[in-house]
Amino acid sequence: MAVITEIPCETAGVSFSLNGLWIIQEEAEANANAQTGQTVVLSTYKEESGSGVSVIYEDLTKTEGGTLVRLDDYVAGLQEQLKISEDYNYSCEEVSTEKLHGNSYETFKANIPKLGGTQQYYIRRQDDTMIIMIFTAFGEDTLEDVLSVVKPL
């Protein structure tokens, strides 16, 4: 019988149900590459495929533009950062609005042709915090497979 680990992300209002195939990174390791003002609250991946989930909270009081940053501008800036990343050669699809377990998110798909992967980004603002959830699918995993680990809190 598979052991399921439940990881709540209270600010995001969701939890993650991870079986033994998922490796959960330690907090210090997950935050090592975070930008100023960002806290990685969950970083997990499947060792055999590389598919993963990241949840990042960004404190807008510690960022350029601060609390005046609008959600649509934040999402556009994130897409631009991905597109100029020469290491991965991202292409981003159109932004749409989607409900995920009771919360409304701006969401878009980013394709990573150099690595044969796809990511789905979910971003929403809560007070002075941007909540960013990134679901990544590689190999035989689909985005739907990876998204299936998120549950309502």
Protein backbone atom coordinates (compact mmCIF):
# COMPACT_ATOMS: atom_id res chain seq x y z
CA MET A 1 0.00 0.00 0.00
CA ALA A 2 1.40 3.42 -0.98
CA VAL A 3 2.00 5.97 1.74
CA ILE A 4 0.47 9.36 0.94
CA THR A 5 1.99 12.51 2.39
CA GLU A 6 -0.38 15.47 2.71
CA ILE A 7 1.32 18.87 2.54
CA PRO A 8 -0.91 21.86 3.29
CA CYS A 9 -0.13 25.25 1.75
CA GLU A 10 -2.50 27.37 3.80
CA THR A 11 -1.89 30.74 2.14
CA ALA A 12 -2.61 29.15 -1.25
CA GLY A 13 -5.66 27.41 0.20
CA VAL A 14 -4.70 23.98 -1.15
CA SER A 15 -2.88 20.85 -0.08
CA PHE A 16 -0.84 18.35 -2.03
CA SER A 17 -1.28 14.57 -1.82
CA LEU A 18 2.05 13.00 -2.70
CA ASN A 19 2.77 9.30 -2.87
CA GLY A 20 6.19 7.70 -2.42
CA LEU A 21 7.22 8.54 -6.00
CA TRP A 22 7.58 12.23 -5.10
CA ILE A 23 10.77 13.61 -3.54
CA ILE A 24 10.21 16.63 -1.31
CA GLN A 25 13.13 19.05 -1.24
CA GLU A 26 14.33 20.38 2.09
CA GLU A 27 13.36 23.99 2.82
CA ALA A 28 16.93 25.34 2.68
CA GLU A 29 17.62 23.57 -0.62
CA ALA A 30 14.34 24.76 -2.14
CA ASN A 31 14.96 28.39 -1.12
CA ALA A 32 18.63 28.49 -2.19
CA ASN A 33 17.78 29.93 -5.63
CA ALA A 34 14.77 32.03 -4.60
CA GLN A 35 14.83 35.72 -5.37
CA THR A 36 14.61 38.41 -2.69
CA GLY A 37 11.16 38.40 -1.15
CA GLN A 38 10.33 34.89 -2.36
CA THR A 39 9.74 31.87 -0.17
CA VAL A 40 9.51 28.43 -1.74
CA VAL A 41 6.91 26.67 0.42
CA LEU A 42 6.90 23.47 -1.63
CA SER A 43 9.33 22.01 -4.12
CA THR A 44 8.80 18.42 -5.07
CA TYR A 45 9.54 16.23 -8.06
CA LYS A 46 9.29 12.68 -9.32
CA GLU A 47 12.78 11.22 -9.61
CA GLU A 48 12.06 8.95 -12.59
CA SER A 49 10.51 11.64 -14.80
CA GLY A 50 11.55 15.00 -13.37
CA SER A 51 7.94 16.18 -13.25
CA GLY A 52 7.32 18.47 -10.33
CA VAL A 53 5.38 21.02 -8.35
CA SER A 54 6.63 24.29 -6.89
CA VAL A 55 4.69 26.73 -4.74
CA ILE A 56 6.24 30.15 -4.22
CA TYR A 57 4.98 33.05 -2.13
CA GLU A 58 6.39 36.43 -3.13
CA ASP A 59 6.19 39.25 -0.59
CA LEU A 60 5.46 42.30 -2.72
CA THR A 61 6.66 44.67 0.01
CA LYS A 62 10.19 43.40 -0.74
CA THR A 63 10.11 43.64 -4.54
CA GLU A 64 10.62 46.32 -7.16
CA GLY A 65 7.30 48.05 -7.68
CA GLY A 66 6.14 46.77 -4.31
CA THR A 67 2.48 46.56 -3.50
CA LEU A 68 1.56 48.71 -6.52
CA VAL A 69 2.26 45.79 -8.88
CA ARG A 70 -0.92 44.62 -10.58
CA LEU A 71 -1.57 40.93 -11.16
CA ASP A 72 -1.75 41.23 -14.95
CA ASP A 73 1.56 43.14 -15.05
CA TYR A 74 3.17 40.56 -12.78
CA VAL A 75 2.05 37.70 -15.04
CA ALA A 76 3.23 39.55 -18.18
CA GLY A 77 6.62 40.13 -16.53
CA LEU A 78 6.91 36.47 -15.58
CA GLN A 79 6.13 35.41 -19.14
CA GLU A 80 8.74 37.83 -20.45
CA GLN A 81 11.36 36.41 -18.07
CA LEU A 82 10.61 32.91 -19.33
CA LYS A 83 10.76 33.93 -22.99
CA ILE A 84 14.21 35.56 -22.65
CA SER A 85 15.65 32.53 -20.85
CA GLU A 86 18.06 31.17 -23.45
CA ASP A 87 18.81 28.04 -21.41
CA TYR A 88 15.33 26.60 -21.87
CA ASN A 89 13.85 28.36 -24.94
CA TYR A 90 10.37 28.74 -23.38
CA SER A 91 7.29 29.58 -25.40
CA CYS A 92 4.25 30.83 -23.50
CA GLU A 93 0.61 30.45 -24.41
CA GLU A 94 -2.18 32.98 -23.80
CA VAL A 95 -3.14 33.92 -20.24
CA SER A 96 -6.59 32.94 -19.04
CA THR A 97 -8.47 33.00 -15.74
CA GLU A 98 -9.30 29.72 -14.07
CA LYS A 99 -10.76 28.61 -10.76
CA LEU A 100 -8.72 26.07 -8.85
CA HIS A 101 -10.27 24.73 -5.65
CA GLY A 102 -12.25 27.89 -4.95
CA ASN A 103 -9.67 30.51 -5.89
CA SER A 104 -9.38 32.43 -9.14
CA TYR A 105 -5.94 32.35 -10.82
CA GLU A 106 -4.35 33.84 -13.88
CA THR A 107 -2.91 30.81 -15.66
CA PHE A 108 -0.84 30.00 -18.71
CA LYS A 109 1.06 27.12 -20.23
CA ALA A 110 4.78 27.35 -20.95
CA ASN A 111 6.36 24.84 -23.30
CA ILE A 112 10.02 23.84 -22.88
CA PRO A 113 10.97 22.25 -26.22
CA LYS A 114 14.67 21.89 -25.36
CA LEU A 115 13.74 19.61 -22.45
CA GLY A 116 10.56 18.08 -23.84
CA GLY A 117 8.44 19.43 -21.01
CA THR A 118 5.43 21.59 -20.30
CA GLN A 119 4.58 23.80 -17.35
CA GLN A 120 1.28 25.22 -16.15
CA TYR A 121 1.53 28.40 -14.07
CA TYR A 122 -1.19 29.52 -11.64
CA ILE A 123 -0.76 32.99 -10.16
CA ARG A 124 -2.99 35.01 -7.86
CA ARG A 125 -2.56 37.89 -5.48
CA GLN A 126 -3.62 37.70 -1.86
CA ASP A 127 -3.08 40.96 -0.01
CA ASP A 128 0.64 41.78 -0.40
CA THR A 129 1.61 38.28 -1.53
CA MET A 130 1.76 36.77 -5.00
CA ILE A 131 1.05 33.07 -4.93
CA ILE A 132 2.73 31.19 -7.77
CA MET A 133 2.11 27.50 -8.36
CA ILE A 134 4.09 25.79 -11.11
CA PHE A 135 3.19 22.31 -12.32
CA THR A 136 5.79 20.70 -14.59
CA ALA A 137 5.33 17.56 -16.71
CA PHE A 138 8.14 15.59 -18.34
CA GLY A 139 8.32 12.18 -19.95
CA GLU A 140 5.11 10.20 -19.94
CA ASP A 141 3.53 12.39 -17.26
CA THR A 142 0.88 14.83 -18.45
CA LEU A 143 0.01 18.14 -16.84
CA GLU A 144 -3.27 16.53 -15.75
CA ASP A 145 -1.25 13.83 -13.93
CA VAL A 146 0.79 16.43 -12.09
CA LEU A 147 -2.22 18.65 -11.34
CA SER A 148 -4.02 15.67 -9.80
CA VAL A 149 -1.89 15.98 -6.64
CA VAL A 150 -3.45 19.35 -5.67
CA LYS A 151 -6.52 19.15 -3.45
CA PRO A 152 -8.71 21.68 -1.62
CA LEU A 153 -7.51 22.52 1.88
